[in-house]
PDB file of N, CA and C in Angstrom:
ATOM      1  N   UNK A   1      33.779  36.823  47.927  1.00  0.00           N
ATOM      2  CA  UNK A   1      34.280  37.737  48.140  1.00  0.00           C
ATOM      3  C   UNK A   1      33.650  38.714  48.831  1.00  0.00           C
ATOM      4  N   UNK A   2      33.888  39.218  49.925  1.00  0.00           N
ATOM      5  CA  UNK A   2      32.959  40.110  50.690  1.00  0.00           C
ATOM      6  C   UNK A   2      32.346  41.601  49.780  1.00  0.00           C
ATOM      7  N   UNK A   3      31.214  41.751  50.125  1.00  0.00           N
ATOM      8  CA  UNK A   3      30.818  43.103  49.548  1.00  0.00           C
ATOM      9  C   UNK A   3      31.650  44.296  49.684  1.00  0.00           C
ATOM     10  N   UNK A   4      32.166  44.730  50.376  1.00  0.00           N
ATOM     11  CA  UNK A   4      33.068  45.744  50.546  1.00  0.00           C
ATOM     12  C   UNK A   4      34.399  45.553  50.113  1.00  0.00           C
ATOM     13  N   UNK A   5      35.001  44.239  50.005  1.00  0.00           N
ATOM     14  CA  UNK A   5      36.191  44.201  48.928  1.00  0.00           C
ATOM     15  C   UNK A   5      35.908  44.469  47.627  1.00  0.00           C
ATOM     16  N   UNK A   6      34.660  44.181  47.222  1.00  0.00           N
ATOM     17  CA  UNK A   6      34.153  44.077  45.640  1.00  0.00           C
ATOM     18  C   UNK A   6      34.142  45.596  45.584  1.00  0.00           C
ATOM     19  N   UNK A   7      33.683  46.219  46.297  1.00  0.00           N
ATOM     20  CA  UNK A   7      33.274  48.067  46.088  1.00  0.00           C
ATOM     21  C   UNK A   7      34.921  48.519  46.132  1.00  0.00           C
ATOM     22  N   UNK A   8      35.605  48.193  47.345  1.00  0.00           N
ATOM     23  CA  UNK A   8      36.905  48.680  47.327  1.00  0.00           C
ATOM     24  C   UNK A   8      37.766  48.620  46.115  1.00  0.00           C
ATOM     25  N   UNK A   9      37.583  47.327  45.623  1.00  0.00           N
ATOM     26  CA  UNK A   9      38.227  46.793  44.086  1.00  0.00           C
ATOM     27  C   UNK A   9      37.539  47.299  42.915  1.00  0.00           C
ATOM     28  N   UNK A  10      36.260  47.848  42.992  1.00  0.00           N
ATOM     29  CA  UNK A  10      35.913  48.349  41.603  1.00  0.00           C
ATOM     30  C   UNK A  10      36.282  49.863  41.759  1.00  0.00           C
ATOM     31  N   UNK A  11      36.491  50.450  42.841  1.00  0.00           N
ATOM     32  CA  UNK A  11      36.557  51.648  43.186  1.00  0.00           C
ATOM     33  C   UNK A  11      38.011  52.228  42.738  1.00  0.00           C
ATOM     34  N   UNK A  12      38.863  51.351  43.213  1.00  0.00           N
ATOM     35  CA  UNK A  12      40.361  51.398  42.801  1.00  0.00           C
ATOM     36  C   UNK A  12      40.530  51.352  41.211  1.00  0.00           C
ATOM     37  N   UNK A  13      39.740  50.345  40.561  1.00  0.00           N
ATOM     38  CA  UNK A  13      39.907  50.162  39.342  1.00  0.00           C
ATOM     39  C   UNK A  13      39.416  51.256  38.540  1.00  0.00           C
ATOM     40  N   UNK A  14      38.077  52.043  38.996  1.00  0.00           N
ATOM     41  CA  UNK A  14      37.539  53.151  38.342  1.00  0.00           C
ATOM     42  C   UNK A  14      38.661  54.416  38.392  1.00  0.00           C
ATOM     43  N   UNK A  15      38.963  54.678  39.401  1.00  0.00           N
ATOM     44  CA  UNK A  15      39.991  55.656  39.644  1.00  0.00           C
ATOM     45  C   UNK A  15      41.266  55.678  38.852  1.00  0.00           C
ATOM     46  N   UNK A  16      41.559  54.195  38.737  1.00  0.00           N
ATOM     47  CA  UNK A  16      42.758  54.124  37.794  1.00  0.00           C
ATOM     48  C   UNK A  16      42.702  54.083  36.150  1.00  0.00           C
ATOM     49  N   UNK A  17      41.351  53.854  36.093  1.00  0.00           N
ATOM     50  CA  UNK A  17      40.793  53.918  34.565  1.00  0.00           C
ATOM     51  C   UNK A  17      40.832  55.665  34.353  1.00  0.00           C
ATOM     52  N   UNK A  18      40.182  56.229  35.333  1.00  0.00           N
ATOM     53  CA  UNK A  18      39.723  57.666  35.150  1.00  0.00           C
ATOM     54  C   UNK A  18      40.828  58.534  34.972  1.00  0.00           C
ATOM     55  N   UNK A  19      42.131  58.271  36.114  1.00  0.00           N
ATOM     56  CA  UNK A  19      43.321  58.615  35.335  1.00  0.00           C
ATOM     57  C   UNK A  19      44.053  58.473  34.523  1.00  0.00           C
ATOM     58  N   UNK A  20      44.108  57.118  33.630  1.00  0.00           N
ATOM     59  CA  UNK A  20      44.651  56.947  32.784  1.00  0.00           C
ATOM     60  C   UNK A  20      43.662  58.103  31.404  1.00  0.00           C
ATOM     61  N   UNK A  21      42.891  57.936  31.736  1.00  0.00           N
ATOM     62  CA  UNK A  21      41.893  58.846  30.561  1.00  0.00           C
ATOM     63  C   UNK A  21      42.309  60.300  30.393  1.00  0.00           C
ATOM     64  N   UNK A  22      42.164  61.073  32.103  1.00  0.00           N
ATOM     65  CA  UNK A  22      42.537  62.256  31.817  1.00  0.00           C
ATOM     66  C   UNK A  22      44.449  62.341  31.381  1.00  0.00           C
ATOM     67  N   UNK A  23      44.818  61.336  31.735  1.00  0.00           N
ATOM     68  CA  UNK A  23      46.167  61.462  31.382  1.00  0.00           C
ATOM     69  C   UNK A  23      46.467  61.753  29.988  1.00  0.00           C
ATOM     70  N   UNK A  24      45.503  61.096  29.296  1.00  0.00           N
ATOM     71  CA  UNK A  24      45.471  61.101  27.880  1.00  0.00           C
ATOM     72  C   UNK A  24      44.926  61.977  27.064  1.00  0.00           C
ATOM     73  N   UNK A  25      44.338  62.613  27.892  1.00  0.00           N
ATOM     74  CA  UNK A  25      43.907  64.148  27.105  1.00  0.00           C
ATOM     75  C   UNK A  25      45.058  65.434  27.218  1.00  0.00           C
ATOM     76  N   UNK A  26      45.859  65.311  28.124  1.00  0.00           N
ATOM     77  CA  UNK A  26      47.337  66.167  28.311  1.00  0.00           C
ATOM     78  C   UNK A  26      47.819  66.255  27.345  1.00  0.00           C
ATOM     79  N   UNK A  27      48.311  67.627  26.661  1.00  0.00           N
ATOM     80  CA  UNK A  27      49.036  67.470  25.454  1.00  0.00           C
ATOM     81  C   UNK A  27      50.403  68.026  26.047  1.00  0.00           C
ATOM     82  N   UNK A  28      51.565  67.659  26.422  1.00  0.00           N
ATOM     83  CA  UNK A  28      52.224  67.957  26.860  1.00  0.00           C
ATOM     84  C   UNK A  28      53.128  68.703  25.836  1.00  0.00           C
ATOM     85  N   UNK A  29      53.957  69.853  26.232  1.00  0.00           N
ATOM     86  CA  UNK A  29      54.704  70.616  25.292  1.00  0.00           C
ATOM     87  C   UNK A  29      55.868  70.604  25.403  1.00  0.00           C
ATOM     88  N   UNK A  30      56.941  70.202  24.459  1.00  0.00           N
ATOM     89  CA  UNK A  30      58.438  70.410  24.745  1.00  0.00           C
ATOM     90  C   UNK A  30      59.420  71.249  24.584  1.00  0.00           C
ATOM     91  N   UNK A  31      59.148  72.430  25.700  1.00  0.00           N
ATOM     92  CA  UNK A  31      59.708  73.051  26.178  1.00  0.00           C
ATOM     93  C   UNK A  31      60.956  72.780  26.834  1.00  0.00           C
ATOM     94  N   UNK A  32      62.036  73.522  26.934  1.00  0.00           N
ATOM     95  CA  UNK A  32      63.396  73.481  27.674  1.00  0.00           C
ATOM     96  C   UNK A  32      63.165  74.078  29.080  1.00  0.00           C
ATOM     97  N   UNK A  33      61.940  74.387  29.653  1.00  0.00           N
ATOM     98  CA  UNK A  33      62.170  74.983  30.971  1.00  0.00           C
ATOM     99  C   UNK A  33      62.768  74.259  31.467  1.00  0.00           C
ATOM    100  N   UNK A  34      63.071  73.225  31.811  1.00  0.00           N
ATOM    101  CA  UNK A  34      63.604  72.237  32.652  1.00  0.00           C
ATOM    102  C   UNK A  34      64.595  71.617  32.790  1.00  0.00           C
ATOM    103  N   UNK A  35      65.260  71.966  31.376  1.00  0.00           N
ATOM    104  CA  UNK A  35      66.389  71.331  30.666  1.00  0.00           C
ATOM    105  C   UNK A  35      67.659  71.751  31.428  1.00  0.00           C
ATOM    106  N   UNK A  36      68.525  70.850  31.490  1.00  0.00           N
ATOM    107  CA  UNK A  36      69.775  71.789  31.861  1.00  0.00           C
ATOM    108  C   UNK A  36      70.751  70.593  31.474  1.00  0.00           C
ATOM    109  N   UNK A  37      72.181  71.214  31.171  1.00  0.00           N
ATOM    110  CA  UNK A  37      73.332  69.759  30.727  1.00  0.00           C
ATOM    111  C   UNK A  37      74.370  70.713  31.436  1.00  0.00           C
ATOM    112  N   UNK A  38      75.413  69.644  31.719  1.00  0.00           N
ATOM    113  CA  UNK A  38      76.599  70.176  32.148  1.00  0.00           C
ATOM    114  C   UNK A  38      77.535  69.397  31.405  1.00  0.00           C
ATOM    115  N   UNK A  39      78.206  70.749  30.261  1.00  0.00           N
ATOM    116  CA  UNK A  39      79.402  70.289  29.440  1.00  0.00           C
ATOM    117  C   UNK A  39      80.773  70.663  29.487  1.00  0.00           C
ATOM    118  N   UNK A  40      81.738  70.523  29.755  1.00  0.00           N
ATOM    119  CA  UNK A  40      83.080  70.954  30.067  1.00  0.00           C
ATOM    120  C   UNK A  40      83.028  72.197  31.162  1.00  0.00           C
ATOM    121  N   UNK A  41      82.553  72.175  32.248  1.00  0.00           N
ATOM    122  CA  UNK A  41      82.676  72.768  32.962  1.00  0.00           C
ATOM    123  C   UNK A  41      80.905  74.116  33.042  1.00  0.00           C
ATOM    124  N   UNK A  42      80.406  73.952  31.952  1.00  0.00           N
ATOM    125  CA  UNK A  42      79.161  74.682  31.545  1.00  0.00           C
ATOM    126  C   UNK A  42      77.924  74.019  32.232  1.00  0.00           C
ATOM    127  N   UNK A  43      76.721  74.611  32.823  1.00  0.00           N
ATOM    128  CA  UNK A  43      75.706  74.350  32.957  1.00  0.00           C
ATOM    129  C   UNK A  43      74.856  75.132  32.403  1.00  0.00           C
ATOM    130  N   UNK A  44      73.732  74.967  31.330  1.00  0.00           N
ATOM    131  CA  UNK A  44      72.851  75.480  31.040  1.00  0.00           C
ATOM    132  C   UNK A  44      71.302  75.540  31.378  1.00  0.00           C
ATOM    133  N   UNK A  45      70.758  76.279  31.794  1.00  0.00           N
ATOM    134  CA  UNK A  45      69.290  75.960  32.282  1.00  0.00           C
ATOM    135  C   UNK A  45      68.312  77.192  31.506  1.00  0.00           C
ATOM    136  N   UNK A  46      67.256  76.784  30.987  1.00  0.00           N
ATOM    137  CA  UNK A  46      66.010  77.968  30.318  1.00  0.00           C
ATOM    138  C   UNK A  46      65.033  77.732  31.242  1.00  0.00           C
ATOM    139  N   UNK A  47      64.235  79.035  31.260  1.00  0.00           N
ATOM    140  CA  UNK A  47      63.232  79.249  31.959  1.00  0.00           C
ATOM    141  C   UNK A  47      62.127  80.242  30.889  1.00  0.00           C
ATOM    142  N   UNK A  48      60.655  80.074  31.310  1.00  0.00           N
ATOM    143  CA  UNK A  48      60.085  80.747  30.702  1.00  0.00           C
ATOM    144  C   UNK A  48      60.112  82.247  30.901  1.00  0.00           C
ATOM    145  N   UNK A  49      60.179  83.070  30.037  1.00  0.00           N
ATOM    146  CA  UNK A  49      59.882  84.625  31.042  1.00  0.00           C
ATOM    147  C   UNK A  49      58.352  84.907  30.869  1.00  0.00           C
ATOM    148  N   UNK A  50      57.516  84.314  30.521  1.00  0.00           N
ATOM    149  CA  UNK A  50      55.982  84.552  30.751  1.00  0.00           C
ATOM    150  C   UNK A  50      55.483  85.472  29.477  1.00  0.00           C
ATOM    151  N   UNK A  51      56.392  85.694  28.592  1.00  0.00           N
ATOM    152  CA  UNK A  51      55.961  86.595  27.673  1.00  0.00           C
ATOM    153  C   UNK A  51      56.004  85.904  25.760  1.00  0.00           C
ATOM    154  N   UNK A  52      55.233  86.226  25.139  1.00  0.00           N
ATOM    155  CA  UNK A  52      55.194  85.394  23.648  1.00  0.00           C
ATOM    156  C   UNK A  52      53.732  84.556  24.138  1.00  0.00           C
ATOM    157  N   UNK A  53      53.896  83.878  22.717  1.00  0.00           N
ATOM    158  CA  UNK A  53      52.737  83.139  22.584  1.00  0.00           C
ATOM    159  C   UNK A  53      52.760  82.004  23.118  1.00  0.00           C
ATOM    160  N   UNK A  54      51.447  81.564  23.476  1.00  0.00           N
ATOM    161  CA  UNK A  54      51.325  80.604  24.820  1.00  0.00           C
ATOM    162  C   UNK A  54      51.687  79.250  23.923  1.00  0.00           C
ATOM    163  N   UNK A  55      51.958  78.679  22.859  1.00  0.00           N
ATOM    164  CA  UNK A  55      52.494  77.333  22.242  1.00  0.00           C
ATOM    165  C   UNK A  55      54.103  77.840  22.216  1.00  0.00           C
ATOM    166  N   UNK A  56      54.811  78.793  22.339  1.00  0.00           N
ATOM    167  CA  UNK A  56      56.048  79.040  22.290  1.00  0.00           C
ATOM    168  C   UNK A  56      56.539  79.947  23.137  1.00  0.00           C
ATOM    169  N   UNK A  57      56.634  80.006  24.287  1.00  0.00           N
ATOM    170  CA  UNK A  57      56.879  81.330  24.889  1.00  0.00           C
ATOM    171  C   UNK A  57      58.136  81.532  24.914  1.00  0.00           C
ATOM    172  N   UNK A  58      58.656  82.818  25.288  1.00  0.00           N
ATOM    173  CA  UNK A  58      59.741  83.210  25.198  1.00  0.00           C
ATOM    174  C   UNK A  58      60.807  82.535  26.305  1.00  0.00           C
ATOM    175  N   UNK A  59      61.905  82.364  26.180  1.00  0.00           N
ATOM    176  CA  UNK A  59      62.596  81.671  27.499  1.00  0.00           C
ATOM    177  C   UNK A  59      64.342  82.510  27.773  1.00  0.00           C
ATOM    178  N   UNK A  60      64.506  82.415  28.689  1.00  0.00           N
ATOM    179  CA  UNK A  60      65.902  82.940  29.145  1.00  0.00           C
ATOM    180  C   UNK A  60      66.645  82.083  29.663  1.00  0.00           C
ATOM    181  N   UNK A  61      67.702  82.355  29.043  1.00  0.00           N
ATOM    182  CA  UNK A  61      69.211  81.182  29.210  1.00  0.00           C
ATOM    183  C   UNK A  61      70.034  81.671  30.261  1.00  0.00           C
ATOM    184  N   UNK A  62      70.045  80.682  31.290  1.00  0.00           N
ATOM    185  CA  UNK A  62      70.828  80.885  32.208  1.00  0.00           C
ATOM    186  C   UNK A  62      72.205  79.826  31.745  1.00  0.00           C
ATOM    187  N   UNK A  63      73.432  80.297  32.035  1.00  0.00           N
ATOM    188  CA  UNK A  63      74.560  79.780  31.893  1.00  0.00           C
ATOM    189  C   UNK A  63      75.822  80.095  32.858  1.00  0.00           C
ATOM    190  N   UNK A  64      76.091  78.712  33.479  1.00  0.00           N
ATOM    191  CA  UNK A  64      76.787  78.648  34.715  1.00  0.00           C
ATOM    192  C   UNK A  64      78.079  78.512  34.201  1.00  0.00           C
ATOM    193  N   UNK A  65      78.964  78.934  34.442  1.00  0.00           N
ATOM    194  CA  UNK A  65      80.637  78.842  34.258  1.00  0.00           C
ATOM    195  C   UNK A  65      81.166  78.285  35.623  1.00  0.00           C
ATOM    196  N   UNK A  66      81.324  76.887  35.674  1.00  0.00           N
ATOM    197  CA  UNK A  66      81.571  76.511  36.950  1.00  0.00           C
ATOM    198  C   UNK A  66      83.356  76.619  37.272  1.00  0.00           C
ATOM    199  N   UNK A  67      84.148  76.892  36.041  1.00  0.00           N
ATOM    200  CA  UNK A  67      85.514  76.888  36.121  1.00  0.00           C
ATOM    201  C   UNK A  67      85.864  78.587  36.409  1.00  0.00           C
ATOM    202  N   UNK A  68      84.880  79.358  35.453  1.00  0.00           N
ATOM    203  CA  UNK A  68      85.318  80.692  35.833  1.00  0.00           C
ATOM    204  C   UNK A  68      84.462  81.372  36.937  1.00  0.00           C
ATOM    205  N   UNK A  69      83.520  80.623  37.468  1.00  0.00           N
ATOM    206  CA  UNK A  69      82.572  81.125  38.591  1.00  0.00           C
ATOM    207  C   UNK A  69      81.981  82.323  38.020  1.00  0.00           C
ATOM    208  N   UNK A  70      81.151  82.154  36.982  1.00  0.00           N
ATOM    209  CA  UNK A  70      80.468  83.354  36.354  1.00  0.00           C
ATOM    210  C   UNK A  70      78.959  82.387  36.220  1.00  0.00           C
ATOM    211  N   UNK A  71      77.950  83.542  36.190  1.00  0.00           N
ATOM    212  CA  UNK A  71      76.669  83.310  35.588  1.00  0.00           C
ATOM    213  C   UNK A  71      76.212  84.345  34.553  1.00  0.00           C
ATOM    214  N   UNK A  72      76.049  83.686  33.502  1.00  0.00           N
ATOM    215  CA  UNK A  72      75.273  84.706  32.383  1.00  0.00           C
ATOM    216  C   UNK A  72      74.093  84.496  32.082  1.00  0.00           C
ATOM    217  N   UNK A  73      73.325  85.747  31.836  1.00  0.00           N
ATOM    218  CA  UNK A  73      71.731  85.389  31.286  1.00  0.00           C
ATOM    219  C   UNK A  73      71.494  85.996  29.955  1.00  0.00           C
ATOM    220  N   UNK A  74      70.896  85.288  29.102  1.00  0.00           N
ATOM    221  CA  UNK A  74      70.591  85.808  27.617  1.00  0.00           C
ATOM    222  C   UNK A  74      69.117  85.507  27.859  1.00  0.00           C
ATOM    223  N   UNK A  75      68.624  86.674  27.076  1.00  0.00           N
ATOM    224  CA  UNK A  75      67.435  86.417  26.435  1.00  0.00           C
ATOM    225  C   UNK A  75      66.936  87.078  24.953  1.00  0.00           C
ATOM    226  N   UNK A  76      65.973  86.660  24.632  1.00  0.00           N
ATOM    227  CA  UNK A  76      65.544  87.818  23.237  1.00  0.00           C
ATOM    228  C   UNK A  76      64.689  88.786  23.503  1.00  0.00           C
ATOM    229  N   UNK A  77      65.590  89.841  22.788  1.00  0.00           N
ATOM    230  CA  UNK A  77      64.767  91.337  23.020  1.00  0.00           C
ATOM    231  C   UNK A  77      63.855  91.467  22.235  1.00  0.00           C
ATOM    232  N   UNK A  78      63.385  91.031  21.068  1.00  0.00           N
ATOM    233  CA  UNK A  78      62.160  91.455  20.597  1.00  0.00           C
ATOM    234  C   UNK A  78      61.733  90.032  19.932  1.00  0.00           C
ATOM    235  N   UNK A  79      59.910  90.259  19.305  1.00  0.00           N
ATOM    236  CA  UNK A  79      59.548  89.052  18.557  1.00  0.00           C
ATOM    237  C   UNK A  79      60.114  88.739  17.293  1.00  0.00           C
ATOM    238  N   UNK A  80      60.562  90.576  16.652  1.00  0.00           N
ATOM    239  CA  UNK A  80      60.798  90.290  15.194  1.00  0.00           C
ATOM    240  C   UNK A  80      62.365  89.938  15.032  1.00  0.00           C
ATOM    241  N   UNK A  81      62.801  90.048  16.273  1.00  0.00           N
ATOM    242  CA  UNK A  81      64.612  89.737  16.353  1.00  0.00           C
ATOM    243  C   UNK A  81      64.524  88.620  17.432  1.00  0.00           C
ATOM    244  N   UNK A  82      64.892  87.555  16.435  1.00  0.00           N
ATOM    245  CA  UNK A  82      64.958  86.087  17.271  1.00  0.00           C
ATOM    246  C   UNK A  82      66.544  85.918  18.217  1.00  0.00           C
ATOM    247  N   UNK A  83      67.388  86.786  17.796  1.00  0.00           N
ATOM    248  CA  UNK A  83      68.673  86.545  18.405  1.00  0.00           C
ATOM    249  C   UNK A  83      68.809  86.567  19.973  1.00  0.00           C
ATOM    250  N   UNK A  84      69.686  85.900  20.481  1.00  0.00           N
ATOM    251  CA  UNK A  84      70.083  85.611  21.965  1.00  0.00           C
ATOM    252  C   UNK A  84      70.690  87.210  22.623  1.00  0.00           C
ATOM    253  N   UNK A  85      70.287  87.971  23.398  1.00  0.00           N
ATOM    254  CA  UNK A  85      71.269  88.996  23.693  1.00  0.00           C
ATOM    255  C   UNK A  85      71.755  88.531  25.041  1.00  0.00           C
ATOM    256  N   UNK A  86      73.008  88.915  25.622  1.00  0.00           N
ATOM    257  CA  UNK A  86      73.389  89.104  26.872  1.00  0.00           C
ATOM    258  C   UNK A  86      72.778  89.911  27.772  1.00  0.00           C
ATOM    259  N   UNK A  87      72.188  89.572  28.967  1.00  0.00           N
ATOM    260  CA  UNK A  87      71.227  90.493  29.853  1.00  0.00           C
ATOM    261  C   UNK A  87      72.026  90.914  31.014  1.00  0.00           C
ATOM    262  N   UNK A  88      72.597  90.066  31.236  1.00  0.00           N
ATOM    263  CA  UNK A  88      73.323  90.416  32.608  1.00  0.00           C
ATOM    264  C   UNK A  88      74.887  89.367  32.680  1.00  0.00           C
ATOM    265  N   UNK A  89      75.530  89.605  33.478  1.00  0.00           N
ATOM    266  CA  UNK A  89      76.566  88.570  34.144  1.00  0.00           C
ATOM    267  C   UNK A  89      76.727  88.902  35.014  1.00  0.00           C
ATOM    268  N   UNK A  90      77.638  88.059  35.963  1.00  0.00           N
ATOM    269  CA  UNK A  90      77.907  88.314  37.458  1.00  0.00           C
ATOM    270  C   UNK A  90      78.990  87.091  38.108  1.00  0.00           C
ATOM    271  N   UNK A  91      79.587  87.421  38.820  1.00  0.00           N
ATOM    272  CA  UNK A  91      80.693  86.350  39.458  1.00  0.00           C
ATOM    273  C   UNK A  91      79.806  85.839  40.559  1.00  0.00           C
ATOM    274  N   UNK A  92      79.791  84.461  40.671  1.00  0.00           N
ATOM    275  CA  UNK A  92      78.773  83.624  41.565  1.00  0.00           C
ATOM    276  C   UNK A  92      79.565  84.322  42.886  1.00  0.00           C
ATOM    277  N   UNK A  93      80.526  84.149  43.506  1.00  0.00           N
ATOM    278  CA  UNK A  93      81.075  84.220  44.311  1.00  0.00           C
ATOM    279  C   UNK A  93      80.764  85.528  45.242  1.00  0.00           C
ATOM    280  N   UNK A  94      80.478  86.661  44.048  1.00  0.00           N
ATOM    281  CA  UNK A  94      79.960  87.696  44.717  1.00  0.00           C
ATOM    282  C   UNK A  94      78.337  87.938  44.790  1.00  0.00           C
ATOM    283  N   UNK A  95      77.941  86.966  43.805  1.00  0.00           N
ATOM    284  CA  UNK A  95      76.274  87.016  44.020  1.00  0.00           C
ATOM    285  C   UNK A  95      76.118  86.384  45.350  1.00  0.00           C
ATOM    286  N   UNK A  96      76.697  85.146  45.907  1.00  0.00           N
ATOM    287  CA  UNK A  96      76.506  84.470  47.221  1.00  0.00           C
ATOM    288  C   UNK A  96      76.980  85.115  48.341  1.00  0.00           C
ATOM    289  N   UNK A  97      78.111  86.128  48.334  1.00  0.00           N
ATOM    290  CA  UNK A  97      78.354  87.169  49.201  1.00  0.00           C
ATOM    291  C   UNK A  97      76.874  88.226  49.270  1.00  0.00           C
ATOM    292  N   UNK A  98      76.590  88.843  48.422  1.00  0.00           N
ATOM    293  CA  UNK A  98      75.263  89.217  48.314  1.00  0.00           C
ATOM    294  C   UNK A  98      74.500  89.228  49.051  1.00  0.00           C
ATOM    295  N   UNK A  99      74.008  87.614  48.612  1.00  0.00           N
ATOM    296  CA  UNK A  99      72.987  87.056  49.460  1.00  0.00           C
ATOM    297  C   UNK A  99      72.903  86.716  50.740  1.00  0.00           C
ATOM    298  N   UNK A 100      74.028  86.591  51.231  1.00  0.00           N
ATOM    299  CA  UNK A 100      74.339  86.549  52.618  1.00  0.00           C
ATOM    300  C   UNK A 100      74.556  87.585  53.584  1.00  0.00           C
ATOM    301  N   UNK A 101      74.272  88.871  52.961  1.00  0.00           N
ATOM    302  CA  UNK A 101      74.502  89.980  53.415  1.00  0.00           C
ATOM    303  C   UNK A 101      75.385  90.716  53.648  1.00  0.00           C
ATOM    304  N   UNK A 102      76.667  90.023  52.610  1.00  0.00           N
ATOM    305  CA  UNK A 102      78.107  90.569  53.164  1.00  0.00           C
ATOM    306  C   UNK A 102      78.634  91.315  52.194  1.00  0.00           C
TER     307      UNK A 102
END
């Protein structure tokens, strides 16, 4: 084997091993920030609000009613009251018209 091929092979092995070791140090959290589901004409998506503790941040729930063409936004009002409250609701055609400047 040529010295350059050996060096390249060892470098590739070292980079792969380093990537595996570093990936093992990550502690991914199971938040629903990217979760979505579509059931019966509804799609639900959550996103972090940036508030709350790092280990369990508060999230906002967006619900798209595909049949009624409505968007509903729910959130938690305070840390002591963990109930969801409706923050906003809007017609999707109206939102899209406003986004287009009409």
